[in-house]
């Protein structure tokens, strides 16, 4: 019979690994979104894209 402590350690390790991976995926997603927004702002030479994105996020919540 497999020890319950071993299963618990595997479960905790898998949970922590999942948290780390999900944090990294979210970080990459928002960094790409910010980079795209900054490129639009630089090309238009205004902060209008930033304000438009802010308003869009504000209406979603």
N, C-alpha and C. Protein backbone atom coordinates (compact mmCIF):
# COMPACT_ATOMS: atom_id res chain seq x y z
N UNK A 1 0.84 -1.18 0.00
CA UNK A 1 0.00 0.00 0.00
C UNK A 1 0.88 1.25 0.00
N UNK A 2 0.49 2.23 -0.82
CA UNK A 2 1.28 3.46 -0.94
C UNK A 2 0.97 4.36 0.24
N UNK A 3 1.98 4.96 0.74
CA UNK A 3 1.86 5.83 1.91
C UNK A 3 1.05 7.09 1.56
N UNK A 4 0.18 7.48 2.46
CA UNK A 4 -0.66 8.67 2.27
C UNK A 4 0.18 9.94 2.24
N UNK A 5 1.30 9.92 2.92
CA UNK A 5 2.19 11.09 2.94
C UNK A 5 2.78 11.31 1.55
N UNK A 6 3.11 10.23 0.86
CA UNK A 6 3.66 10.35 -0.50
C UNK A 6 2.62 10.97 -1.44
N UNK A 7 1.39 10.50 -1.36
CA UNK A 7 0.33 11.08 -2.19
C UNK A 7 0.12 12.55 -1.86
N UNK A 8 0.17 12.88 -0.60
CA UNK A 8 -0.01 14.27 -0.18
C UNK A 8 1.11 15.15 -0.73
N UNK A 9 2.33 14.67 -0.66
CA UNK A 9 3.47 15.45 -1.16
C UNK A 9 3.37 15.64 -2.68
N UNK A 10 2.95 14.60 -3.39
CA UNK A 10 2.78 14.71 -4.84
C UNK A 10 1.68 15.70 -5.16
N UNK A 11 0.58 15.66 -4.42
CA UNK A 11 -0.53 16.58 -4.65
C UNK A 11 -0.12 18.03 -4.38
N UNK A 12 0.60 18.27 -3.31
CA UNK A 12 1.06 19.62 -2.98
C UNK A 12 2.04 20.12 -4.05
N UNK A 13 2.94 19.25 -4.49
CA UNK A 13 3.90 19.63 -5.52
C UNK A 13 3.19 19.97 -6.83
N UNK A 14 2.21 19.15 -7.22
CA UNK A 14 1.46 19.41 -8.44
C UNK A 14 0.68 20.71 -8.34
N UNK A 15 0.10 20.97 -7.19
CA UNK A 15 -0.65 22.21 -6.97
C UNK A 15 0.26 23.42 -7.10
N UNK A 16 1.42 23.38 -6.46
CA UNK A 16 2.37 24.50 -6.53
C UNK A 16 2.88 24.71 -7.96
N UNK A 17 3.16 23.61 -8.64
CA UNK A 17 3.61 23.71 -10.02
C UNK A 17 2.52 24.35 -10.89
N UNK A 18 1.27 23.98 -10.68
CA UNK A 18 0.16 24.57 -11.41
C UNK A 18 0.03 26.06 -11.15
N UNK A 19 0.21 26.47 -9.90
CA UNK A 19 0.16 27.90 -9.58
C UNK A 19 1.27 28.67 -10.28
N UNK A 20 2.45 28.12 -10.29
CA UNK A 20 3.58 28.79 -10.93
C UNK A 20 3.36 28.90 -12.43
N UNK A 21 2.90 27.82 -13.05
CA UNK A 21 2.66 27.84 -14.50
C UNK A 21 1.55 28.83 -14.85
N UNK A 22 0.47 28.84 -14.09
CA UNK A 22 -0.62 29.76 -14.40
C UNK A 22 -0.19 31.21 -14.22
N UNK A 23 0.63 31.48 -13.21
CA UNK A 23 1.14 32.84 -13.02
C UNK A 23 2.00 33.25 -14.21
N UNK A 24 2.86 32.36 -14.69
CA UNK A 24 3.72 32.68 -15.82
C UNK A 24 2.91 32.92 -17.09
N UNK A 25 1.88 32.12 -17.32
CA UNK A 25 1.03 32.30 -18.50
C UNK A 25 0.32 33.65 -18.44
N UNK A 26 -0.21 34.00 -17.28
CA UNK A 26 -0.88 35.30 -17.13
C UNK A 26 0.11 36.44 -17.32
N UNK A 27 1.30 36.30 -16.79
CA UNK A 27 2.33 37.33 -16.91
C UNK A 27 2.70 37.55 -18.38
N UNK A 28 2.90 36.48 -19.12
CA UNK A 28 3.24 36.59 -20.54
C UNK A 28 2.10 37.24 -21.31
N UNK A 29 0.87 36.85 -20.99
CA UNK A 29 -0.30 37.41 -21.68
C UNK A 29 -0.37 38.93 -21.48
N UNK A 30 -0.24 39.38 -20.25
CA UNK A 30 -0.36 40.81 -19.99
C UNK A 30 0.85 41.60 -20.47
N UNK A 31 2.02 40.99 -20.49
CA UNK A 31 3.19 41.69 -21.05
C UNK A 31 3.03 41.89 -22.54
N UNK A 32 2.51 40.88 -23.24
CA UNK A 32 2.26 41.03 -24.68
C UNK A 32 1.20 42.08 -24.95
N UNK A 33 0.16 42.08 -24.14
CA UNK A 33 -0.91 43.07 -24.30
C UNK A 33 -0.37 44.48 -24.06
N UNK A 34 0.45 44.64 -23.03
CA UNK A 34 1.03 45.95 -22.74
C UNK A 34 1.98 46.39 -23.85
N UNK A 35 2.77 45.48 -24.38
CA UNK A 35 3.69 45.81 -25.47
C UNK A 35 2.92 46.27 -26.70
N UNK A 36 1.84 45.57 -27.02
CA UNK A 36 1.02 45.95 -28.17
C UNK A 36 0.41 47.34 -27.96
N UNK A 37 -0.06 47.59 -26.75
CA UNK A 37 -0.65 48.89 -26.44
C UNK A 37 0.39 50.00 -26.52
N UNK A 38 1.59 49.73 -26.05
CA UNK A 38 2.66 50.74 -26.12
C UNK A 38 3.08 51.02 -27.55
N UNK A 39 3.12 49.98 -28.38
CA UNK A 39 3.47 50.20 -29.79
C UNK A 39 2.44 51.07 -30.47
N UNK A 40 1.15 50.83 -30.18
CA UNK A 40 0.10 51.67 -30.76
C UNK A 40 0.23 53.11 -30.27
N UNK A 41 0.56 53.27 -29.00
CA UNK A 41 0.70 54.62 -28.44
C UNK A 41 1.89 55.35 -29.06
N UNK A 42 2.97 54.64 -29.29
CA UNK A 42 4.15 55.27 -29.88
C UNK A 42 3.89 55.63 -31.33
N UNK A 43 3.21 54.74 -32.06
CA UNK A 43 2.96 55.01 -33.48
C UNK A 43 1.99 56.18 -33.67
N UNK A 44 1.02 56.33 -32.76
CA UNK A 44 0.08 57.46 -32.88
C UNK A 44 0.57 58.70 -32.16
N UNK A 45 1.59 58.55 -31.34
CA UNK A 45 2.19 59.63 -30.56
C UNK A 45 1.19 60.29 -29.62
N UNK A 46 0.23 59.49 -29.13
CA UNK A 46 -0.72 59.96 -28.13
C UNK A 46 -0.95 58.84 -27.12
N UNK A 47 -1.66 59.18 -26.06
CA UNK A 47 -2.02 58.15 -25.09
C UNK A 47 -3.46 57.69 -25.29
N UNK A 48 -4.04 58.04 -26.42
CA UNK A 48 -5.43 57.68 -26.70
C UNK A 48 -5.67 56.17 -26.66
N UNK A 49 -4.78 55.32 -27.21
CA UNK A 49 -5.02 53.88 -27.10
C UNK A 49 -5.06 53.38 -25.66
N UNK A 50 -4.25 53.98 -24.82
CA UNK A 50 -4.24 53.60 -23.40
C UNK A 50 -5.56 53.98 -22.75
N UNK A 51 -6.02 55.18 -23.03
CA UNK A 51 -7.28 55.63 -22.45
C UNK A 51 -8.46 54.81 -22.98
N UNK A 52 -8.43 54.46 -24.26
CA UNK A 52 -9.50 53.65 -24.84
C UNK A 52 -9.53 52.26 -24.20
N UNK A 53 -8.37 51.68 -23.98
CA UNK A 53 -8.31 50.36 -23.34
C UNK A 53 -8.79 50.45 -21.89
N UNK A 54 -8.45 51.51 -21.22
CA UNK A 54 -8.89 51.70 -19.85
C UNK A 54 -10.42 51.80 -19.78
N UNK A 55 -10.99 52.57 -20.68
CA UNK A 55 -12.45 52.70 -20.72
C UNK A 55 -13.13 51.37 -21.06
N UNK A 56 -12.52 50.63 -21.96
CA UNK A 56 -13.08 49.33 -22.34
C UNK A 56 -13.06 48.36 -21.15
N UNK A 57 -11.98 48.35 -20.42
CA UNK A 57 -11.89 47.48 -19.23
C UNK A 57 -12.85 47.93 -18.15
N UNK A 58 -13.05 49.23 -18.04
CA UNK A 58 -13.93 49.77 -17.02
C UNK A 58 -15.38 49.38 -17.28
N UNK A 59 -15.79 49.33 -18.55
CA UNK A 59 -17.16 48.97 -18.88
C UNK A 59 -17.40 47.46 -18.77
N UNK A 60 -16.35 46.65 -18.87
CA UNK A 60 -16.51 45.20 -18.76
C UNK A 60 -16.79 44.76 -17.33
N UNK A 61 -16.26 45.49 -16.36
CA UNK A 61 -16.44 45.08 -14.96
C UNK A 61 -17.58 45.77 -14.30
